[in-house]
């Protein structure tokens, strides 16, 4: 297991790259699919990484808590080398209730992860819906639990979503995401 920390590539308020990815429900998703939400928590994640697994419940809770924010998981990992990250396993995780996000998408070509500058799982990006485009409101840690067994005392992503929903700037300094490296092909 190789641990990585994210670096900031996109700047806050920058328009974010669009995508067209298959979801575990068989539908194809783009950013426009989430146009009814004021905020989108786009998280590059996977099934097998202990750092990502440790955040399943947090992400499920956030998805359940917010009506105006969508939680979208994107799995970019090489499924040939890491079969637990296959599309079929993603579907299993959704069907058995392990993952209850608004959408769980497969980035088979890894182009979306690359476009966002994602480097680890989980690597979260909070997007603000500006009406005709989505912009980056926050990129950084989900919370202050840096290791899979740690308990979080502060959940940064909730602060970021709350700020976006209130129409405010996110007042959080960049703190790199931390997790397993994305398994590039």
C-alpha atoms as a PDB file:
ATOM      1  CA  UNK A   1       0.000   0.000   0.000  1.00  0.00           C
ATOM      2  CA  UNK A   2       1.422   3.345  -1.052  1.00  0.00           C
ATOM      3  CA  UNK A   3       0.124   6.363   0.865  1.00  0.00           C
ATOM      4  CA  UNK A   4      -0.225   9.612  -1.061  1.00  0.00           C
ATOM      5  CA  UNK A   5      -1.274  13.159  -0.243  1.00  0.00           C
ATOM      6  CA  UNK A   6      -3.059  15.355  -2.722  1.00  0.00           C
ATOM      7  CA  UNK A   7      -1.644  18.496  -4.219  1.00  0.00           C
ATOM      8  CA  UNK A   8      -3.813  21.346  -5.356  1.00  0.00           C
ATOM      9  CA  UNK A   9      -4.102  21.613  -9.157  1.00  0.00           C
ATOM     10  CA  UNK A  10      -7.459  23.276  -9.609  1.00  0.00           C
ATOM     11  CA  UNK A  11      -7.852  26.593  -7.829  1.00  0.00           C
ATOM     12  CA  UNK A  12     -10.947  27.573  -5.882  1.00  0.00           C
ATOM     13  CA  UNK A  13     -13.574  29.205  -8.092  1.00  0.00           C
ATOM     14  CA  UNK A  14     -12.079  27.564 -11.216  1.00  0.00           C
ATOM     15  CA  UNK A  15     -14.609  25.831 -13.472  1.00  0.00           C
ATOM     16  CA  UNK A  16     -14.156  22.083 -13.049  1.00  0.00           C
ATOM     17  CA  UNK A  17     -13.818  19.543 -15.862  1.00  0.00           C
ATOM     18  CA  UNK A  18     -16.989  17.866 -17.032  1.00  0.00           C
ATOM     19  CA  UNK A  19     -17.173  14.098 -17.386  1.00  0.00           C
ATOM     20  CA  UNK A  20     -19.255  11.316 -18.847  1.00  0.00           C
ATOM     21  CA  UNK A  21     -19.070   8.215 -16.658  1.00  0.00           C
ATOM     22  CA  UNK A  22     -21.083   5.047 -16.147  1.00  0.00           C
ATOM     23  CA  UNK A  23     -22.804   4.632 -12.803  1.00  0.00           C
ATOM     24  CA  UNK A  24     -23.413   1.415 -10.906  1.00  0.00           C
ATOM     25  CA  UNK A  25     -27.101   1.821 -11.814  1.00  0.00           C
ATOM     26  CA  UNK A  26     -26.259   1.501 -15.531  1.00  0.00           C
ATOM     27  CA  UNK A  27     -26.933   5.196 -16.216  1.00  0.00           C
ATOM     28  CA  UNK A  28     -24.399   7.588 -17.755  1.00  0.00           C
ATOM     29  CA  UNK A  29     -23.641  10.676 -15.656  1.00  0.00           C
ATOM     30  CA  UNK A  30     -22.237  14.118 -16.439  1.00  0.00           C
ATOM     31  CA  UNK A  31     -22.056  17.193 -14.210  1.00  0.00           C
ATOM     32  CA  UNK A  32     -25.389  18.220 -15.732  1.00  0.00           C
ATOM     33  CA  UNK A  33     -26.888  15.133 -14.068  1.00  0.00           C
ATOM     34  CA  UNK A  34     -26.445  16.985 -10.765  1.00  0.00           C
ATOM     35  CA  UNK A  35     -27.822  20.359 -11.921  1.00  0.00           C
ATOM     36  CA  UNK A  36     -30.617  20.168  -9.309  1.00  0.00           C
ATOM     37  CA  UNK A  37     -28.068  20.277  -6.473  1.00  0.00           C
ATOM     38  CA  UNK A  38     -26.412  23.430  -5.137  1.00  0.00           C
ATOM     39  CA  UNK A  39     -23.287  21.471  -4.209  1.00  0.00           C
ATOM     40  CA  UNK A  40     -21.634  18.240  -5.318  1.00  0.00           C
ATOM     41  CA  UNK A  41     -19.127  16.335  -3.208  1.00  0.00           C
ATOM     42  CA  UNK A  42     -17.102  14.527  -5.886  1.00  0.00           C
ATOM     43  CA  UNK A  43     -14.839  11.977  -4.209  1.00  0.00           C
ATOM     44  CA  UNK A  44     -12.249   9.909  -6.017  1.00  0.00           C
ATOM     45  CA  UNK A  45     -12.414   6.680  -4.065  1.00  0.00           C
ATOM     46  CA  UNK A  46     -12.349   2.915  -4.455  1.00  0.00           C
ATOM     47  CA  UNK A  47     -13.420  -0.322  -2.807  1.00  0.00           C
ATOM     48  CA  UNK A  48     -10.153  -1.841  -1.563  1.00  0.00           C
ATOM     49  CA  UNK A  49      -8.163   0.991   0.070  1.00  0.00           C
ATOM     50  CA  UNK A  50      -8.431   1.044   3.888  1.00  0.00           C
ATOM     51  CA  UNK A  51      -8.399   4.874   3.852  1.00  0.00           C
ATOM     52  CA  UNK A  52     -11.368   4.888   1.447  1.00  0.00           C
ATOM     53  CA  UNK A  53     -13.184   2.134   3.373  1.00  0.00           C
ATOM     54  CA  UNK A  54     -12.798   4.139   6.576  1.00  0.00           C
ATOM     55  CA  UNK A  55     -14.810   6.984   4.958  1.00  0.00           C
ATOM     56  CA  UNK A  56     -17.710   4.922   3.531  1.00  0.00           C
ATOM     57  CA  UNK A  57     -19.944   5.677   6.532  1.00  0.00           C
ATOM     58  CA  UNK A  58     -19.062   9.383   6.587  1.00  0.00           C
ATOM     59  CA  UNK A  59     -19.893   9.697   2.893  1.00  0.00           C
ATOM     60  CA  UNK A  60     -23.094   7.667   3.320  1.00  0.00           C
ATOM     61  CA  UNK A  61     -24.103   9.945   6.216  1.00  0.00           C
ATOM     62  CA  UNK A  62     -23.378  13.110   4.217  1.00  0.00           C
ATOM     63  CA  UNK A  63     -25.420  11.737   1.286  1.00  0.00           C
ATOM     64  CA  UNK A  64     -28.351  11.098   3.652  1.00  0.00           C
ATOM     65  CA  UNK A  65     -28.050  14.438   5.517  1.00  0.00           C
ATOM     66  CA  UNK A  66     -28.082  16.910   2.643  1.00  0.00           C
ATOM     67  CA  UNK A  67     -30.974  17.362   0.219  1.00  0.00           C
ATOM     68  CA  UNK A  68     -29.186  20.121  -1.735  1.00  0.00           C
ATOM     69  CA  UNK A  69     -25.806  18.381  -2.022  1.00  0.00           C
ATOM     70  CA  UNK A  70     -25.031  15.216  -3.995  1.00  0.00           C
ATOM     71  CA  UNK A  71     -22.314  12.776  -2.949  1.00  0.00           C
ATOM     72  CA  UNK A  72     -20.708  11.242  -6.022  1.00  0.00           C
ATOM     73  CA  UNK A  73     -18.022   8.586  -5.729  1.00  0.00           C
ATOM     74  CA  UNK A  74     -15.677   8.070  -8.682  1.00  0.00           C
ATOM     75  CA  UNK A  75     -13.509   4.948  -8.822  1.00  0.00           C
ATOM     76  CA  UNK A  76     -10.534   5.413 -11.180  1.00  0.00           C
ATOM     77  CA  UNK A  77      -8.389   2.472 -10.044  1.00  0.00           C
ATOM     78  CA  UNK A  78      -6.916  -0.118 -12.411  1.00  0.00           C
ATOM     79  CA  UNK A  79      -9.339  -3.020 -11.924  1.00  0.00           C
ATOM     80  CA  UNK A  80      -7.104  -5.518 -13.723  1.00  0.00           C
ATOM     81  CA  UNK A  81      -4.383  -5.123 -11.096  1.00  0.00           C
ATOM     82  CA  UNK A  82      -6.911  -4.512  -8.285  1.00  0.00           C
ATOM     83  CA  UNK A  83      -9.949  -6.750  -8.967  1.00  0.00           C
ATOM     84  CA  UNK A  84     -11.727  -5.493  -5.820  1.00  0.00           C
ATOM     85  CA  UNK A  85     -12.087  -2.174  -7.663  1.00  0.00           C
ATOM     86  CA  UNK A  86     -13.894  -3.697 -10.651  1.00  0.00           C
ATOM     87  CA  UNK A  87     -17.211  -2.289 -11.826  1.00  0.00           C
ATOM     88  CA  UNK A  88     -18.895  -5.543 -10.760  1.00  0.00           C
ATOM     89  CA  UNK A  89     -17.577  -5.138  -7.202  1.00  0.00           C
ATOM     90  CA  UNK A  90     -18.723  -1.498  -7.201  1.00  0.00           C
ATOM     91  CA  UNK A  91     -22.233  -2.700  -8.065  1.00  0.00           C
ATOM     92  CA  UNK A  92     -22.035  -5.273  -5.241  1.00  0.00           C
ATOM     93  CA  UNK A  93     -21.045  -2.555  -2.735  1.00  0.00           C
ATOM     94  CA  UNK A  94     -24.054  -0.471  -3.778  1.00  0.00           C
ATOM     95  CA  UNK A  95     -26.470  -3.398  -3.825  1.00  0.00           C
ATOM     96  CA  UNK A  96     -25.436  -4.657  -0.365  1.00  0.00           C
ATOM     97  CA  UNK A  97     -25.688  -1.134   1.109  1.00  0.00           C
ATOM     98  CA  UNK A  98     -21.978  -0.681   1.866  1.00  0.00           C
ATOM     99  CA  UNK A  99     -22.047   2.392  -0.388  1.00  0.00           C
ATOM    100  CA  UNK A 100     -25.150   4.603  -0.396  1.00  0.00           C
ATOM    101  CA  UNK A 101     -23.940   7.687  -2.288  1.00  0.00           C
ATOM    102  CA  UNK A 102     -26.142   9.571  -4.734  1.00  0.00           C
ATOM    103  CA  UNK A 103     -24.036   8.001  -7.510  1.00  0.00           C
ATOM    104  CA  UNK A 104     -21.011   5.700  -7.706  1.00  0.00           C
ATOM    105  CA  UNK A 105     -19.231   6.089 -11.048  1.00  0.00           C
ATOM    106  CA  UNK A 106     -16.475   4.222 -12.880  1.00  0.00           C
ATOM    107  CA  UNK A 107     -13.594   6.230 -14.400  1.00  0.00           C
ATOM    108  CA  UNK A 108     -12.344   3.374 -16.590  1.00  0.00           C
ATOM    109  CA  UNK A 109      -9.945   5.517 -18.653  1.00  0.00           C
ATOM    110  CA  UNK A 110      -8.754   7.466 -15.571  1.00  0.00           C
ATOM    111  CA  UNK A 111      -9.143  10.675 -17.615  1.00  0.00           C
ATOM    112  CA  UNK A 112     -11.439  12.308 -15.044  1.00  0.00           C
ATOM    113  CA  UNK A 113      -9.099  11.628 -12.114  1.00  0.00           C
ATOM    114  CA  UNK A 114      -6.258  13.021 -14.200  1.00  0.00           C
ATOM    115  CA  UNK A 115      -8.241  16.131 -15.208  1.00  0.00           C
ATOM    116  CA  UNK A 116      -9.047  16.900 -11.576  1.00  0.00           C
ATOM    117  CA  UNK A 117      -5.496  16.194 -10.410  1.00  0.00           C
ATOM    118  CA  UNK A 118      -6.669  13.472  -8.015  1.00  0.00           C
ATOM    119  CA  UNK A 119      -3.834  11.399  -6.582  1.00  0.00           C
ATOM    120  CA  UNK A 120      -5.255   9.346  -3.731  1.00  0.00           C
ATOM    121  CA  UNK A 121      -8.340   7.568  -2.428  1.00  0.00           C
ATOM    122  CA  UNK A 122     -10.244   9.262  -1.006  1.00  0.00           C
ATOM    123  CA  UNK A 123      -9.597  12.615  -2.705  1.00  0.00           C
ATOM    124  CA  UNK A 124     -12.643  14.925  -2.278  1.00  0.00           C
ATOM    125  CA  UNK A 125     -13.674  17.973  -4.293  1.00  0.00           C
ATOM    126  CA  UNK A 126     -16.653  20.113  -3.248  1.00  0.00           C
ATOM    127  CA  UNK A 127     -18.215  21.749  -6.291  1.00  0.00           C
ATOM    128  CA  UNK A 128     -20.479  24.797  -6.335  1.00  0.00           C
ATOM    129  CA  UNK A 129     -23.323  24.883  -8.854  1.00  0.00           C
ATOM    130  CA  UNK A 130     -23.110  28.301 -10.531  1.00  0.00           C
ATOM    131  CA  UNK A 131     -26.151  27.664 -12.737  1.00  0.00           C
ATOM    132  CA  UNK A 132     -24.419  27.088 -16.044  1.00  0.00           C
ATOM    133  CA  UNK A 133     -21.197  25.582 -14.693  1.00  0.00           C
ATOM    134  CA  UNK A 134     -19.701  23.992 -11.601  1.00  0.00           C
ATOM    135  CA  UNK A 135     -16.713  25.575  -9.875  1.00  0.00           C
ATOM    136  CA  UNK A 136     -14.329  24.277  -7.260  1.00  0.00           C
ATOM    137  CA  UNK A 137     -15.293  25.415  -3.770  1.00  0.00           C
ATOM    138  CA  UNK A 138     -13.010  23.101  -1.749  1.00  0.00           C
ATOM    139  CA  UNK A 139     -10.394  20.406  -2.294  1.00  0.00           C
ATOM    140  CA  UNK A 140      -8.729  18.760   0.661  1.00  0.00           C
ATOM    141  CA  UNK A 141      -9.324  16.389   3.532  1.00  0.00           C
ATOM    142  CA  UNK A 142     -12.728  15.012   4.386  1.00  0.00           C
ATOM    143  CA  UNK A 143     -11.979  15.287   8.102  1.00  0.00           C
ATOM    144  CA  UNK A 144      -9.177  15.351  10.662  1.00  0.00           C
ATOM    145  CA  UNK A 145      -8.887  11.549  11.011  1.00  0.00           C
ATOM    146  CA  UNK A 146      -5.659  10.964   9.124  1.00  0.00           C
ATOM    147  CA  UNK A 147      -5.479   7.194   9.560  1.00  0.00           C
ATOM    148  CA  UNK A 148      -8.161   4.566   8.945  1.00  0.00           C
ATOM    149  CA  UNK A 149      -8.510   3.709  12.651  1.00  0.00           C
ATOM    150  CA  UNK A 150      -8.656   7.346  13.838  1.00  0.00           C
ATOM    151  CA  UNK A 151     -11.918   8.946  14.985  1.00  0.00           C
ATOM    152  CA  UNK A 152     -12.721  12.299  13.410  1.00  0.00           C
ATOM    153  CA  UNK A 153     -13.312  15.259  15.700  1.00  0.00           C
ATOM    154  CA  UNK A 154     -13.792  17.745  12.864  1.00  0.00           C
ATOM    155  CA  UNK A 155     -15.460  17.058   9.501  1.00  0.00           C
ATOM    156  CA  UNK A 156     -14.137  19.633   7.056  1.00  0.00           C
ATOM    157  CA  UNK A 157     -16.322  18.498   4.189  1.00  0.00           C
ATOM    158  CA  UNK A 158     -19.497  19.337   6.132  1.00  0.00           C
ATOM    159  CA  UNK A 159     -18.111  22.827   6.797  1.00  0.00           C
ATOM    160  CA  UNK A 160     -17.374  23.192   3.074  1.00  0.00           C
ATOM    161  CA  UNK A 161     -20.828  21.994   1.995  1.00  0.00           C
ATOM    162  CA  UNK A 162     -22.526  24.213   4.590  1.00  0.00           C
ATOM    163  CA  UNK A 163     -20.635  27.241   3.264  1.00  0.00           C
ATOM    164  CA  UNK A 164     -21.574  26.468  -0.343  1.00  0.00           C
ATOM    165  CA  UNK A 165     -25.239  25.996   0.598  1.00  0.00           C
ATOM    166  CA  UNK A 166     -25.156  29.320   2.482  1.00  0.00           C
ATOM    167  CA  UNK A 167     -23.698  31.049  -0.599  1.00  0.00           C
ATOM    168  CA  UNK A 168     -20.444  31.766   1.224  1.00  0.00           C
ATOM    169  CA  UNK A 169     -16.790  31.144   0.434  1.00  0.00           C
ATOM    170  CA  UNK A 170     -15.291  28.064   2.050  1.00  0.00           C
ATOM    171  CA  UNK A 171     -13.070  29.331   4.853  1.00  0.00           C
ATOM    172  CA  UNK A 172     -10.756  26.323   5.087  1.00  0.00           C
ATOM    173  CA  UNK A 173      -7.069  26.331   4.280  1.00  0.00           C
ATOM    174  CA  UNK A 174      -5.811  23.632   1.950  1.00  0.00           C
ATOM    175  CA  UNK A 175      -4.989  20.449   3.821  1.00  0.00           C
ATOM    176  CA  UNK A 176      -3.972  17.620   1.503  1.00  0.00           C
ATOM    177  CA  UNK A 177      -6.195  14.587   1.171  1.00  0.00           C
ATOM    178  CA  UNK A 178      -4.578  11.440   2.404  1.00  0.00           C
ATOM    179  CA  UNK A 179      -5.025   7.846   1.320  1.00  0.00           C
ATOM    180  CA  UNK A 180      -3.810   5.088  -0.950  1.00  0.00           C
ATOM    181  CA  UNK A 181      -2.364   6.206  -4.246  1.00  0.00           C
ATOM    182  CA  UNK A 182      -4.629   5.960  -7.258  1.00  0.00           C
ATOM    183  CA  UNK A 183      -3.733   2.756  -9.062  1.00  0.00           C
ATOM    184  CA  UNK A 184      -2.832   4.134 -12.491  1.00  0.00           C
ATOM    185  CA  UNK A 185      -2.721   1.854 -15.505  1.00  0.00           C
END
